[in-house]
Amino acid sequence: MAHFAEISGSNNTVVRVIVSEQDFINSGKVGDSFNWVQTSYNTSCGVHTKGGTPFRKNYAGVGMTYDEDRDAFIPPKPFDSWTLNEDTCQYDSPVAYPDDIEKIYHWNEDNGAWEEVE
């Protein structure tokens, strides 16, 4: 069994992810097989969590997009100031997240900074 993401629209938005055999996807029972792209549950940020070969940078999720040129699943951009990291296909903040693990922070787009959650 494998995981497959159904993509839709001109921007290749992921609308659902299912566990299936390739033969079932090819059967047409879930629509046109060209709308389905395999994804790996074990891939995140361009790394295979079990030491294998990473597959399509990230495990697909509803609302993500499939970028054919990068052959990668990319999450929605959280803030305008964040930039896409080409290695992970995740978005990076312009300022590194604080390394104080005892506190929780949230991004303030207006100030361009991480702020401690009280």
PDB file of N, CA and C in Angstrom:
ATOM      1  N   MET A   1       0.841  -1.182   0.000  1.00  0.00           N
ATOM      2  CA  MET A   1       0.000   0.000   0.000  1.00  0.00           C
ATOM      3  C   MET A   1       0.885   1.243   0.000  1.00  0.00           C
ATOM      4  N   ALA A   2       0.364   2.287  -0.592  1.00  0.00           N
ATOM      5  CA  ALA A   2       1.078   3.554  -0.667  1.00  0.00           C
ATOM      6  C   ALA A   2       0.089   4.683  -0.404  1.00  0.00           C
ATOM      7  N   HIS A   3       0.605   5.876  -0.210  1.00  0.00           N
ATOM      8  CA  HIS A   3      -0.222   7.065  -0.021  1.00  0.00           C
ATOM      9  C   HIS A   3      -0.242   7.842  -1.336  1.00  0.00           C
ATOM     10  N   PHE A   4      -1.434   8.333  -1.685  1.00  0.00           N
ATOM     11  CA  PHE A   4      -1.613   9.117  -2.896  1.00  0.00           C
ATOM     12  C   PHE A   4      -2.375  10.389  -2.574  1.00  0.00           C
ATOM     13  N   ALA A   5      -1.956  11.495  -3.195  1.00  0.00           N
ATOM     14  CA  ALA A   5      -2.624  12.782  -3.031  1.00  0.00           C
ATOM     15  C   ALA A   5      -3.392  13.100  -4.305  1.00  0.00           C
ATOM     16  N   GLU A   6      -4.645  13.478  -4.136  1.00  0.00           N
ATOM     17  CA  GLU A   6      -5.436  13.936  -5.272  1.00  0.00           C
ATOM     18  C   GLU A   6      -5.212  15.431  -5.404  1.00  0.00           C
ATOM     19  N   ILE A   7      -4.817  15.846  -6.609  1.00  0.00           N
ATOM     20  CA  ILE A   7      -4.569  17.262  -6.842  1.00  0.00           C
ATOM     21  C   ILE A   7      -5.631  17.810  -7.780  1.00  0.00           C
ATOM     22  N   SER A   8      -5.942  19.090  -7.608  1.00  0.00           N
ATOM     23  CA  SER A   8      -7.018  19.704  -8.369  1.00  0.00           C
ATOM     24  C   SER A   8      -6.680  21.151  -8.690  1.00  0.00           C
ATOM     25  N   GLY A   9      -7.208  21.627  -9.783  1.00  0.00           N
ATOM     26  CA  GLY A   9      -7.060  23.031 -10.144  1.00  0.00           C
ATOM     27  C   GLY A   9      -5.757  23.353 -10.824  1.00  0.00           C
ATOM     28  N   SER A  10      -5.670  24.588 -11.289  1.00  0.00           N
ATOM     29  CA  SER A  10      -4.493  25.025 -12.039  1.00  0.00           C
ATOM     30  C   SER A  10      -3.248  25.152 -11.153  1.00  0.00           C
ATOM     31  N   ASN A  11      -3.445  25.273  -9.831  1.00  0.00           N
ATOM     32  CA  ASN A  11      -2.278  25.385  -8.953  1.00  0.00           C
ATOM     33  C   ASN A  11      -1.969  24.076  -8.238  1.00  0.00           C
ATOM     34  N   ASN A  12      -2.593  22.961  -8.678  1.00  0.00           N
ATOM     35  CA  ASN A  12      -2.300  21.624  -8.139  1.00  0.00           C
ATOM     36  C   ASN A  12      -2.478  21.528  -6.627  1.00  0.00           C
ATOM     37  N   THR A  13      -3.604  22.006  -6.137  1.00  0.00           N
ATOM     38  CA  THR A  13      -3.906  21.941  -4.709  1.00  0.00           C
ATOM     39  C   THR A  13      -4.290  20.518  -4.303  1.00  0.00           C
ATOM     40  N   VAL A  14      -3.756  20.060  -3.186  1.00  0.00           N
ATOM     41  CA  VAL A  14      -4.096  18.741  -2.657  1.00  0.00           C
ATOM     42  C   VAL A  14      -5.485  18.829  -2.014  1.00  0.00           C
ATOM     43  N   VAL A  15      -6.405  17.968  -2.473  1.00  0.00           N
ATOM     44  CA  VAL A  15      -7.763  17.972  -1.932  1.00  0.00           C
ATOM     45  C   VAL A  15      -8.041  16.786  -1.009  1.00  0.00           C
ATOM     46  N   ARG A  16      -7.282  15.708  -1.156  1.00  0.00           N
ATOM     47  CA  ARG A  16      -7.377  14.580  -0.229  1.00  0.00           C
ATOM     48  C   ARG A  16      -6.185  13.668  -0.417  1.00  0.00           C
ATOM     49  N   VAL A  17      -5.930  12.870   0.617  1.00  0.00           N
ATOM     50  CA  VAL A  17      -4.848  11.896   0.593  1.00  0.00           C
ATOM     51  C   VAL A  17      -5.443  10.564   1.033  1.00  0.00           C
ATOM     52  N   ILE A  18      -5.150   9.506   0.283  1.00  0.00           N
ATOM     53  CA  ILE A  18      -5.665   8.182   0.608  1.00  0.00           C
ATOM     54  C   ILE A  18      -4.538   7.157   0.610  1.00  0.00           C
ATOM     55  N   VAL A  19      -4.810   6.008   1.231  1.00  0.00           N
ATOM     56  CA  VAL A  19      -3.905   4.867   1.185  1.00  0.00           C
ATOM     57  C   VAL A  19      -4.492   3.898   0.177  1.00  0.00           C
ATOM     58  N   SER A  20      -3.685   3.505  -0.794  1.00  0.00           N
ATOM     59  CA  SER A  20      -4.210   2.689  -1.885  1.00  0.00           C
ATOM     60  C   SER A  20      -3.086   1.943  -2.593  1.00  0.00           C
ATOM     61  N   GLU A  21      -3.496   1.011  -3.428  1.00  0.00           N
ATOM     62  CA  GLU A  21      -2.579   0.370  -4.356  1.00  0.00           C
ATOM     63  C   GLU A  21      -2.599   1.168  -5.658  1.00  0.00           C
ATOM     64  N   GLN A  22      -1.506   1.174  -6.380  1.00  0.00           N
ATOM     65  CA  GLN A  22      -1.433   1.868  -7.671  1.00  0.00           C
ATOM     66  C   GLN A  22      -2.507   1.354  -8.632  1.00  0.00           C
ATOM     67  N   ASP A  23      -2.787   0.062  -8.606  1.00  0.00           N
ATOM     68  CA  ASP A  23      -3.803  -0.510  -9.498  1.00  0.00           C
ATOM     69  C   ASP A  23      -5.179   0.111  -9.257  1.00  0.00           C
ATOM     70  N   PHE A  24      -5.518   0.391  -8.002  1.00  0.00           N
ATOM     71  CA  PHE A  24      -6.807   1.012  -7.691  1.00  0.00           C
ATOM     72  C   PHE A  24      -6.856   2.434  -8.239  1.00  0.00           C
ATOM     73  N   ILE A  25      -5.771   3.180  -8.082  1.00  0.00           N
ATOM     74  CA  ILE A  25      -5.699   4.545  -8.631  1.00  0.00           C
ATOM     75  C   ILE A  25      -5.869   4.477 -10.147  1.00  0.00           C
ATOM     76  N   ASN A  26      -5.194   3.540 -10.787  1.00  0.00           N
ATOM     77  CA  ASN A  26      -5.254   3.404 -12.240  1.00  0.00           C
ATOM     78  C   ASN A  26      -6.614   2.924 -12.743  1.00  0.00           C
ATOM     79  N   SER A  27      -7.429   2.336 -11.871  1.00  0.00           N
ATOM     80  CA  SER A  27      -8.729   1.784 -12.278  1.00  0.00           C
ATOM     81  C   SER A  27      -9.744   2.858 -12.653  1.00  0.00           C
ATOM     82  N   GLY A  28      -9.532   4.076 -12.203  1.00  0.00           N
ATOM     83  CA  GLY A  28     -10.486   5.152 -12.473  1.00  0.00           C
ATOM     84  C   GLY A  28     -11.611   5.241 -11.461  1.00  0.00           C
ATOM     85  N   LYS A  29     -11.625   4.388 -10.473  1.00  0.00           N
ATOM     86  CA  LYS A  29     -12.696   4.401  -9.467  1.00  0.00           C
ATOM     87  C   LYS A  29     -12.657   5.640  -8.574  1.00  0.00           C
ATOM     88  N   VAL A  30     -11.534   6.318  -8.553  1.00  0.00           N
ATOM     89  CA  VAL A  30     -11.418   7.555  -7.778  1.00  0.00           C
ATOM     90  C   VAL A  30     -11.138   8.744  -8.706  1.00  0.00           C
ATOM     91  N   GLY A  31     -11.568   8.621  -9.944  1.00  0.00           N
ATOM     92  CA  GLY A  31     -11.351   9.688 -10.919  1.00  0.00           C
ATOM     93  C   GLY A  31     -10.138   9.414 -11.784  1.00  0.00           C
ATOM     94  N   ASP A  32      -9.781  10.405 -12.556  1.00  0.00           N
ATOM     95  CA  ASP A  32      -8.666  10.302 -13.493  1.00  0.00           C
ATOM     96  C   ASP A  32      -7.360  10.055 -12.749  1.00  0.00           C
ATOM     97  N   SER A  33      -6.648   9.023 -13.120  1.00  0.00           N
ATOM     98  CA  SER A  33      -5.398   8.683 -12.431  1.00  0.00           C
ATOM     99  C   SER A  33      -4.345   9.778 -12.565  1.00  0.00           C
ATOM    100  N   PHE A  34      -4.473  10.642 -13.571  1.00  0.00           N
ATOM    101  CA  PHE A  34      -3.519  11.743 -13.747  1.00  0.00           C
ATOM    102  C   PHE A  34      -3.646  12.784 -12.640  1.00  0.00           C
ATOM    103  N   ASN A  35      -4.752  12.749 -11.896  1.00  0.00           N
ATOM    104  CA  ASN A  35      -4.961  13.687 -10.793  1.00  0.00           C
ATOM    105  C   ASN A  35      -4.399  13.183  -9.469  1.00  0.00           C
ATOM    106  N   TRP A  36      -3.738  12.043  -9.499  1.00  0.00           N
ATOM    107  CA  TRP A  36      -3.200  11.448  -8.278  1.00  0.00           C
ATOM    108  C   TRP A  36      -1.678  11.388  -8.340  1.00  0.00           C
ATOM    109  N   VAL A  37      -1.032  11.791  -7.237  1.00  0.00           N
ATOM    110  CA  VAL A  37       0.425  11.796  -7.146  1.00  0.00           C
ATOM    111  C   VAL A  37       0.810  11.055  -5.869  1.00  0.00           C
ATOM    112  N   GLN A  38       1.713  10.111  -5.994  1.00  0.00           N
ATOM    113  CA  GLN A  38       2.149   9.361  -4.818  1.00  0.00           C
ATOM    114  C   GLN A  38       2.926  10.260  -3.872  1.00  0.00           C
ATOM    115  N   THR A  39       2.766  10.020  -2.586  1.00  0.00           N
ATOM    116  CA  THR A  39       3.460  10.781  -1.553  1.00  0.00           C
ATOM    117  C   THR A  39       4.016   9.808  -0.517  1.00  0.00           C
ATOM    118  N   SER A  40       4.981  10.230   0.252  1.00  0.00           N
ATOM    119  CA  SER A  40       5.598   9.350   1.242  1.00  0.00           C
ATOM    120  C   SER A  40       5.326   9.852   2.653  1.00  0.00           C
ATOM    121  N   TYR A  41       4.686   9.000   3.444  1.00  0.00           N
ATOM    122  CA  TYR A  41       4.395   9.293   4.842  1.00  0.00           C
ATOM    123  C   TYR A  41       5.684   9.499   5.637  1.00  0.00           C
ATOM    124  N   ASN A  42       6.776   8.940   5.147  1.00  0.00           N
ATOM    125  CA  ASN A  42       8.050   8.992   5.871  1.00  0.00           C
ATOM    126  C   ASN A  42       8.976  10.116   5.424  1.00  0.00           C
ATOM    127  N   THR A  43       8.469  11.059   4.628  1.00  0.00           N
ATOM    128  CA  THR A  43       9.315  12.159   4.163  1.00  0.00           C
ATOM    129  C   THR A  43       8.805  13.481   4.715  1.00  0.00           C
ATOM    130  N   SER A  44       9.725  14.239   5.301  1.00  0.00           N
ATOM    131  CA  SER A  44       9.406  15.555   5.842  1.00  0.00           C
ATOM    132  C   SER A  44      10.623  16.454   5.682  1.00  0.00           C
ATOM    133  N   CYS A  45      10.415  17.639   5.173  1.00  0.00           N
ATOM    134  CA  CYS A  45      11.496  18.622   5.002  1.00  0.00           C
ATOM    135  C   CYS A  45      12.658  18.084   4.178  1.00  0.00           C
ATOM    136  N   GLY A  46      12.342  17.233   3.210  1.00  0.00           N
ATOM    137  CA  GLY A  46      13.366  16.701   2.327  1.00  0.00           C
ATOM    138  C   GLY A  46      14.201  15.591   2.931  1.00  0.00           C
ATOM    139  N   VAL A  47      13.752  15.034   4.063  1.00  0.00           N
ATOM    140  CA  VAL A  47      14.494  13.970   4.745  1.00  0.00           C
ATOM    141  C   VAL A  47      13.553  12.789   4.959  1.00  0.00           C
ATOM    142  N   HIS A  48      14.053  11.590   4.676  1.00  0.00           N
ATOM    143  CA  HIS A  48      13.285  10.374   4.956  1.00  0.00           C
ATOM    144  C   HIS A  48      13.506  10.041   6.429  1.00  0.00           C
ATOM    145  N   THR A  49      12.423   9.970   7.195  1.00  0.00           N
ATOM    146  CA  THR A  49      12.536   9.796   8.648  1.00  0.00           C
ATOM    147  C   THR A  49      13.121   8.454   9.067  1.00  0.00           C
ATOM    148  N   LYS A  50      13.143   7.485   8.166  1.00  0.00           N
ATOM    149  CA  LYS A  50      13.690   6.169   8.499  1.00  0.00           C
ATOM    150  C   LYS A  50      15.005   5.898   7.776  1.00  0.00           C
ATOM    151  N   GLY A  51      15.616   6.975   7.260  1.00  0.00           N
ATOM    152  CA  GLY A  51      16.923   6.840   6.630  1.00  0.00           C
ATOM    153  C   GLY A  51      16.901   6.446   5.168  1.00  0.00           C
ATOM    154  N   GLY A  52      15.720   6.308   4.599  1.00  0.00           N
ATOM    155  CA  GLY A  52      15.622   5.955   3.194  1.00  0.00           C
ATOM    156  C   GLY A  52      15.792   7.172   2.294  1.00  0.00           C
ATOM    157  N   THR A  53      15.401   7.016   1.053  1.00  0.00           N
ATOM    158  CA  THR A  53      15.487   8.098   0.084  1.00  0.00           C
ATOM    159  C   THR A  53      14.264   8.996   0.218  1.00  0.00           C
ATOM    160  N   PRO A  54      14.455  10.308   0.427  1.00  0.00           N
ATOM    161  CA  PRO A  54      13.307  11.221   0.532  1.00  0.00           C
ATOM    162  C   PRO A  54      12.507  11.230  -0.772  1.00  0.00           C
ATOM    163  N   PHE A  55      11.208  11.420  -0.649  1.00  0.00           N
ATOM    164  CA  PHE A  55      10.314  11.373  -1.805  1.00  0.00           C
ATOM    165  C   PHE A  55       9.403  12.590  -1.803  1.00  0.00           C
ATOM    166  N   ARG A  56       9.589  13.468  -2.761  1.00  0.00           N
ATOM    167  CA  ARG A  56       8.755  14.654  -2.975  1.00  0.00           C
ATOM    168  C   ARG A  56       8.771  15.629  -1.802  1.00  0.00           C
ATOM    169  N   LYS A  57       9.890  15.698  -1.117  1.00  0.00           N
ATOM    170  CA  LYS A  57      10.214  16.677  -0.074  1.00  0.00           C
ATOM    171  C   LYS A  57       9.356  16.600   1.188  1.00  0.00           C
ATOM    172  N   ASN A  58       8.023  16.470   1.046  1.00  0.00           N
ATOM    173  CA  ASN A  58       7.124  16.456   2.199  1.00  0.00           C
ATOM    174  C   ASN A  58       5.950  15.527   1.941  1.00  0.00           C
ATOM    175  N   TYR A  59       5.435  14.944   3.012  1.00  0.00           N
ATOM    176  CA  TYR A  59       4.202  14.168   2.914  1.00  0.00           C
ATOM    177  C   TYR A  59       3.073  15.135   2.577  1.00  0.00           C
ATOM    178  N   ALA A  60       2.264  14.790   1.609  1.00  0.00           N
ATOM    179  CA  ALA A  60       1.183  15.679   1.164  1.00  0.00           C
ATOM    180  C   ALA A  60       0.105  15.813   2.228  1.00  0.00           C
ATOM    181  N   GLY A  61      -0.504  16.976   2.265  1.00  0.00           N
ATOM    182  CA  GLY A  61      -1.635  17.242   3.145  1.00  0.00           C
ATOM    183  C   GLY A  61      -2.629  18.127   2.431  1.00  0.00           C
ATOM    184  N   VAL A  62      -3.887  18.062   2.845  1.00  0.00           N
ATOM    185  CA  VAL A  62      -4.931  18.886   2.236  1.00  0.00           C
ATOM    186  C   VAL A  62      -4.526  20.357   2.338  1.00  0.00           C
ATOM    187  N   GLY A  63      -4.644  21.071   1.228  1.00  0.00           N
ATOM    188  CA  GLY A  63      -4.289  22.487   1.176  1.00  0.00           C
ATOM    189  C   GLY A  63      -2.879  22.757   0.684  1.00  0.00           C
ATOM    190  N   MET A  64      -2.044  21.726   0.671  1.00  0.00           N
ATOM    191  CA  MET A  64      -0.700  21.892   0.122  1.00  0.00           C
ATOM    192  C   MET A  64      -0.801  21.926  -1.397  1.00  0.00           C
ATOM    193  N   THR A  65       0.293  22.267  -2.058  1.00  0.00           N
ATOM    194  CA  THR A  65       0.331  22.212  -3.511  1.00  0.00           C
ATOM    195  C   THR A  65       1.418  21.237  -3.948  1.00  0.00           C
ATOM    196  N   TYR A  66       1.196  20.670  -5.122  1.00  0.00           N
ATOM    197  CA  TYR A  66       2.221  19.831  -5.727  1.00  0.00           C
ATOM    198  C   TYR A  66       2.887  20.646  -6.814  1.00  0.00           C
ATOM    199  N   ASP A  67       4.179  20.884  -6.660  1.00  0.00           N
ATOM    200  CA  ASP A  67       4.965  21.642  -7.623  1.00  0.00           C
ATOM    201  C   ASP A  67       5.662  20.646  -8.541  1.00  0.00           C
ATOM    202  N   GLU A  68       5.205  20.584  -9.785  1.00  0.00           N
ATOM    203  CA  GLU A  68       5.764  19.612 -10.734  1.00  0.00           C
ATOM    204  C   GLU A  68       7.229  19.871 -11.036  1.00  0.00           C
ATOM    205  N   ASP A  69       7.616  21.135 -11.150  1.00  0.00           N
ATOM    206  CA  ASP A  69       9.004  21.459 -11.471  1.00  0.00           C
ATOM    207  C   ASP A  69       9.963  20.996 -10.371  1.00  0.00           C
ATOM    208  N   ARG A  70       9.568  21.164  -9.120  1.00  0.00           N
ATOM    209  CA  ARG A  70      10.396  20.742  -7.991  1.00  0.00           C
ATOM    210  C   ARG A  70      10.135  19.288  -7.607  1.00  0.00           C
ATOM    211  N   ASP A  71       9.057  18.710  -8.153  1.00  0.00           N
ATOM    212  CA  ASP A  71       8.584  17.381  -7.772  1.00  0.00           C
ATOM    213  C   ASP A  71       8.457  17.315  -6.255  1.00  0.00           C
ATOM    214  N   ALA A  72       7.687  18.271  -5.709  1.00  0.00           N
ATOM    215  CA  ALA A  72       7.595  18.416  -4.258  1.00  0.00           C
ATOM    216  C   ALA A  72       6.213  18.890  -3.829  1.00  0.00           C
ATOM    217  N   PHE A  73       5.828  18.456  -2.628  1.00  0.00           N
ATOM    218  CA  PHE A  73       4.625  18.981  -1.987  1.00  0.00           C
ATOM    219  C   PHE A  73       5.042  20.137  -1.091  1.00  0.00           C
ATOM    220  N   ILE A  74       4.334  21.256  -1.224  1.00  0.00           N
ATOM    221  CA  ILE A  74       4.702  22.482  -0.513  1.00  0.00           C
ATOM    222  C   ILE A  74       3.494  22.989   0.269  1.00  0.00           C
ATOM    223  N   PRO A  75       3.688  23.302   1.562  1.00  0.00           N
ATOM    224  CA  PRO A  75       2.573  23.810   2.356  1.00  0.00           C
ATOM    225  C   PRO A  75       2.213  25.241   1.951  1.00  0.00           C
ATOM    226  N   PRO A  76       1.053  25.728   2.386  1.00  0.00           N
ATOM    227  CA  PRO A  76       0.706  27.124   2.112  1.00  0.00           C
ATOM    228  C   PRO A  76       1.705  28.065   2.789  1.00  0.00           C
ATOM    229  N   LYS A  77       1.946  29.190   2.170  1.00  0.00           N
ATOM    230  CA  LYS A  77       2.861  30.180   2.735  1.00  0.00           C
ATOM    231  C   LYS A  77       2.190  30.822   3.951  1.00  0.00           C
ATOM    232  N   PRO A  78       2.820  30.721   5.141  1.00  0.00           N
ATOM    233  CA  PRO A  78       2.154  31.217   6.345  1.00  0.00           C
ATOM    234  C   PRO A  78       2.116  32.744   6.469  1.00  0.00           C
ATOM    235  N   PHE A  79       3.150  33.411   5.981  1.00  0.00           N
ATOM    236  CA  PHE A  79       3.235  34.869   6.073  1.00  0.00           C
ATOM    237  C   PHE A  79       3.945  35.404   4.837  1.00  0.00           C
ATOM    238  N   ASP A  80       3.617  36.618   4.449  1.00  0.00           N
ATOM    239  CA  ASP A  80       4.218  37.223   3.253  1.00  0.00           C
ATOM    240  C   ASP A  80       5.736  37.342   3.347  1.00  0.00           C
ATOM    241  N   SER A  81       6.259  37.561   4.543  1.00  0.00           N
ATOM    242  CA  SER A  81       7.699  37.794   4.693  1.00  0.00           C
ATOM    243  C   SER A  81       8.523  36.498   4.663  1.00  0.00           C
ATOM    244  N   TRP A  82       7.887  35.353   4.750  1.00  0.00           N
ATOM    245  CA  TRP A  82       8.609  34.089   4.782  1.00  0.00           C
ATOM    246  C   TRP A  82       8.993  33.670   3.366  1.00  0.00           C
ATOM    247  N   THR A  83      10.103  32.938   3.254  1.00  0.00           N
ATOM    248  CA  THR A  83      10.592  32.514   1.942  1.00  0.00           C
ATOM    249  C   THR A  83      10.693  30.986   1.867  1.00  0.00           C
ATOM    250  N   LEU A  84      10.513  30.485   0.661  1.00  0.00           N
ATOM    251  CA  LEU A  84      10.575  29.046   0.451  1.00  0.00           C
ATOM    252  C   LEU A  84      12.019  28.566   0.499  1.00  0.00           C
ATOM    253  N   ASN A  85      12.257  27.570   1.323  1.00  0.00           N
ATOM    254  CA  ASN A  85      13.557  26.920   1.412  1.00  0.00           C
ATOM    255  C   ASN A  85      13.576  25.831   0.344  1.00  0.00           C
ATOM    256  N   GLU A  86      14.441  25.951  -0.639  1.00  0.00           N
ATOM    257  CA  GLU A  86      14.478  25.008  -1.755  1.00  0.00           C
ATOM    258  C   GLU A  86      14.902  23.602  -1.330  1.00  0.00           C
ATOM    259  N   ASP A  87      15.660  23.488  -0.250  1.00  0.00           N
ATOM    260  CA  ASP A  87      16.105  22.169   0.205  1.00  0.00           C
ATOM    261  C   ASP A  87      14.992  21.401   0.908  1.00  0.00           C
ATOM    262  N   THR A  88      14.181  22.097   1.710  1.00  0.00           N
ATOM    263  CA  THR A  88      13.131  21.442   2.493  1.00  0.00           C
ATOM    264  C   THR A  88      11.744  21.588   1.880  1.00  0.00           C
ATOM    265  N   CYS A  89      11.578  22.571   0.993  1.00  0.00           N
ATOM    266  CA  CYS A  89      10.266  22.956   0.455  1.00  0.00           C
ATOM    267  C   CYS A  89       9.295  23.285   1.584  1.00  0.00           C
ATOM    268  N   GLN A  90       9.824  23.908   2.618  1.00  0.00           N
ATOM    269  CA  GLN A  90       9.056  24.500   3.709  1.00  0.00           C
ATOM    270  C   GLN A  90       9.394  25.988   3.714  1.00  0.00           C
ATOM    271  N   TYR A  91       8.575  26.778   4.398  1.00  0.00           N
ATOM    272  CA  TYR A  91       8.834  28.214   4.462  1.00  0.00           C
ATOM    273  C   TYR A  91       9.643  28.558   5.702  1.00  0.00           C
ATOM    274  N   ASP A  92      10.633  29.423   5.509  1.00  0.00           N
ATOM    275  CA  ASP A  92      11.487  29.890   6.598  1.00  0.00           C
ATOM    276  C   ASP A  92      11.121  31.319   6.956  1.00  0.00           C
ATOM    277  N   SER A  93      11.120  31.594   8.251  1.00  0.00           N
ATOM    278  CA  SER A  93      10.884  32.963   8.717  1.00  0.00           C
ATOM    279  C   SER A  93      12.143  33.787   8.470  1.00  0.00           C
ATOM    280  N   PRO A  94      11.992  35.108   8.348  1.00  0.00           N
ATOM    281  CA  PRO A  94      13.179  35.940   8.120  1.00  0.00           C
ATOM    282  C   PRO A  94      14.091  36.029   9.346  1.00  0.00           C
ATOM    283  N   VAL A  95      13.562  35.638  10.507  1.00  0.00           N
ATOM    284  CA  VAL A  95      14.328  35.635  11.750  1.00  0.00           C
ATOM    285  C   VAL A  95      14.215  34.230  12.335  1.00  0.00           C
ATOM    286  N   ALA A  96      15.314  33.657  12.746  1.00  0.00           N
ATOM    287  CA  ALA A  96      15.298  32.297  13.293  1.00  0.00           C
ATOM    288  C   ALA A  96      14.431  32.213  14.545  1.00  0.00           C
ATOM    289  N   TYR A  97      13.758  31.074  14.695  1.00  0.00           N
ATOM    290  CA  TYR A  97      12.942  30.827  15.886  1.00  0.00           C
ATOM    291  C   TYR A  97      13.859  30.805  17.105  1.00  0.00           C
ATOM    292  N   PRO A  98      13.464  31.445  18.208  1.00  0.00           N
ATOM    293  CA  PRO A  98      14.320  31.452  19.408  1.00  0.00           C
ATOM    294  C   PRO A  98      14.621  30.033  19.891  1.00  0.00           C
ATOM    295  N   ASP A  99      15.809  29.844  20.429  1.00  0.00           N
ATOM    296  CA  ASP A  99      16.213  28.504  20.862  1.00  0.00           C
ATOM    297  C   ASP A  99      15.898  28.225  22.331  1.00  0.00           C
ATOM    298  N   ASP A 100      15.114  29.074  22.965  1.00  0.00           N
ATOM    299  CA  ASP A 100      14.697  28.887  24.351  1.00  0.00           C
ATOM    300  C   ASP A 100      13.535  27.891  24.367  1.00  0.00           C
ATOM    301  N   ILE A 101      13.831  26.619  24.676  1.00  0.00           N
ATOM    302  CA  ILE A 101      12.810  25.571  24.591  1.00  0.00           C
ATOM    303  C   ILE A 101      11.784  25.629  25.723  1.00  0.00           C
ATOM    304  N   GLU A 102      12.028  26.437  26.729  1.00  0.00           N
ATOM    305  CA  GLU A 102      11.085  26.540  27.844  1.00  0.00           C
ATOM    306  C   GLU A 102       9.966  27.537  27.565  1.00  0.00           C
ATOM    307  N   LYS A 103      10.055  28.260  26.468  1.00  0.00           N
ATOM    308  CA  LYS A 103       9.044  29.261  26.138  1.00  0.00           C
ATOM    309  C   LYS A 103       8.417  28.951  24.787  1.00  0.00           C
ATOM    310  N   ILE A 104       7.233  29.483  24.572  1.00  0.00           N
ATOM    311  CA  ILE A 104       6.532  29.331  23.300  1.00  0.00           C
ATOM    312  C   ILE A 104       6.451  30.705  22.644  1.00  0.00           C
ATOM    313  N   TYR A 105       6.675  30.732  21.332  1.00  0.00           N
ATOM    314  CA  TYR A 105       6.664  31.980  20.594  1.00  0.00           C
ATOM    315  C   TYR A 105       5.700  31.881  19.410  1.00  0.00           C
ATOM    316  N   HIS A 106       5.194  33.031  18.989  1.00  0.00           N
ATOM    317  CA  HIS A 106       4.415  33.103  17.752  1.00  0.00           C
ATOM    318  C   HIS A 106       5.001  34.223  16.900  1.00  0.00           C
ATOM    319  N   TRP A 107       4.792  34.113  15.604  1.00  0.00           N
ATOM    320  CA  TRP A 107       5.336  35.089  14.671  1.00  0.00           C
ATOM    321  C   TRP A 107       4.410  36.301  14.596  1.00  0.00           C
ATOM    322  N   ASN A 108       4.965  37.494  14.735  1.00  0.00           N
ATOM    323  CA  ASN A 108       4.226  38.747  14.561  1.00  0.00           C
ATOM    324  C   ASN A 108       4.665  39.345  13.231  1.00  0.00           C
ATOM    325  N   GLU A 109       3.803  39.230  12.229  1.00  0.00           N
ATOM    326  CA  GLU A 109       4.145  39.704  10.880  1.00  0.00           C
ATOM    327  C   GLU A 109       4.315  41.213  10.853  1.00  0.00           C
ATOM    328  N   ASP A 110       3.525  41.945  11.644  1.00  0.00           N
ATOM    329  CA  ASP A 110       3.623  43.411  11.647  1.00  0.00           C
ATOM    330  C   ASP A 110       4.983  43.880  12.174  1.00  0.00           C
ATOM    331  N   ASN A 111       5.504  43.187  13.178  1.00  0.00           N
ATOM    332  CA  ASN A 111       6.809  43.568  13.763  1.00  0.00           C
ATOM    333  C   ASN A 111       7.973  42.806  13.136  1.00  0.00           C
ATOM    334  N   GLY A 112       7.678  41.769  12.392  1.00  0.00           N
ATOM    335  CA  GLY A 112       8.747  40.961  11.799  1.00  0.00           C
ATOM    336  C   GLY A 112       9.612  40.284  12.843  1.00  0.00           C
ATOM    337  N   ALA A 113       8.935  39.787  13.897  1.00  0.00           N
ATOM    338  CA  ALA A 113       9.692  39.183  14.986  1.00  0.00           C
ATOM    339  C   ALA A 113       8.871  38.092  15.681  1.00  0.00           C
ATOM    340  N   TRP A 114       9.603  37.202  16.373  1.00  0.00           N
ATOM    341  CA  TRP A 114       8.955  36.210  17.224  1.00  0.00           C
ATOM    342  C   TRP A 114       8.620  36.872  18.544  1.00  0.00           C
ATOM    343  N   GLU A 115       7.426  36.617  19.060  1.00  0.00           N
ATOM    344  CA  GLU A 115       7.011  37.170  20.347  1.00  0.00           C
ATOM    345  C   GLU A 115       6.630  36.038  21.286  1.00  0.00           C
ATOM    346  N   GLU A 116       7.050  36.161  22.532  1.00  0.00           N
ATOM    347  CA  GLU A 116       6.735  35.143  23.520  1.00  0.00           C
ATOM    348  C   GLU A 116       5.240  35.114  23.791  1.00  0.00           C
ATOM    349  N   VAL A 117       4.700  33.907  23.885  1.00  0.00           N
ATOM    350  CA  VAL A 117       3.306  33.735  24.257  1.00  0.00           C
ATOM    351  C   VAL A 117       3.233  33.719  25.768  1.00  0.00           C
ATOM    352  N   GLU A 118       2.453  34.597  26.315  1.00  0.00           N
ATOM    353  CA  GLU A 118       2.330  34.699  27.791  1.00  0.00           C
ATOM    354  C   GLU A 118       1.375  33.670  28.317  1.00  0.00           C
TER     355      GLU A 118
END
